[in-house]
């Protein structure tokens, strides 16, 4: 077990070193995505531990695992999309061409779509975490609340990146949707903390 813990510490340390570097990737999108994936894993843990005391635990566990599998690839995919957008932006000064302009538009759109997916997943995880905090085993309530808070933070950070990565207007449907998901995640986190049921 010590070897596994050492490997985990080394992997986390390597990721944090990359995050702290001057390189723009992996960046905030990857950090937001990891927060959401970790929150989903905490939901799975709390639901799994609640199976003896809560009839809805198995369903919550299945949801948590599905959300974890949905969120896990998002950090790396987001980092690649952001890197592609940066490359496309650097080529903007090249001689104009409709192909280059289309490639730039596609790269920027993809760089906004992935944070939107992270915000959506964060909202979904926060909602599940609030349900687990409310109905799950009280001994695991703190973990469910932590999951809701992490997921909501990931959703809020990702929603901000939709605006930053694309430079969209306030009325852009992707930005409106991302903010809606972030607000829903924040509401779920508040409910998890206060014990309110939606």
Foldseek 3Di string as FASTA:
>chain_A
DVVVVVVVVVVVVVVVVVAPDPDCPPHDLLVLLVLLLVLLVLQLVQLVVQVVPFVCSVVLNVVSVVLNVQSVCLSVQLSVLLVQLVVLVVCVPPPDDPVSVVSNVVSLVSNLVSLLSLLQSLLVSLLSLLVCLQGGDVVSLVSSLSSLVSSLVSLVSSLVSSCVSNVDDPPPPSSVSSVVSSVSSVVSSVCSVVSNDD
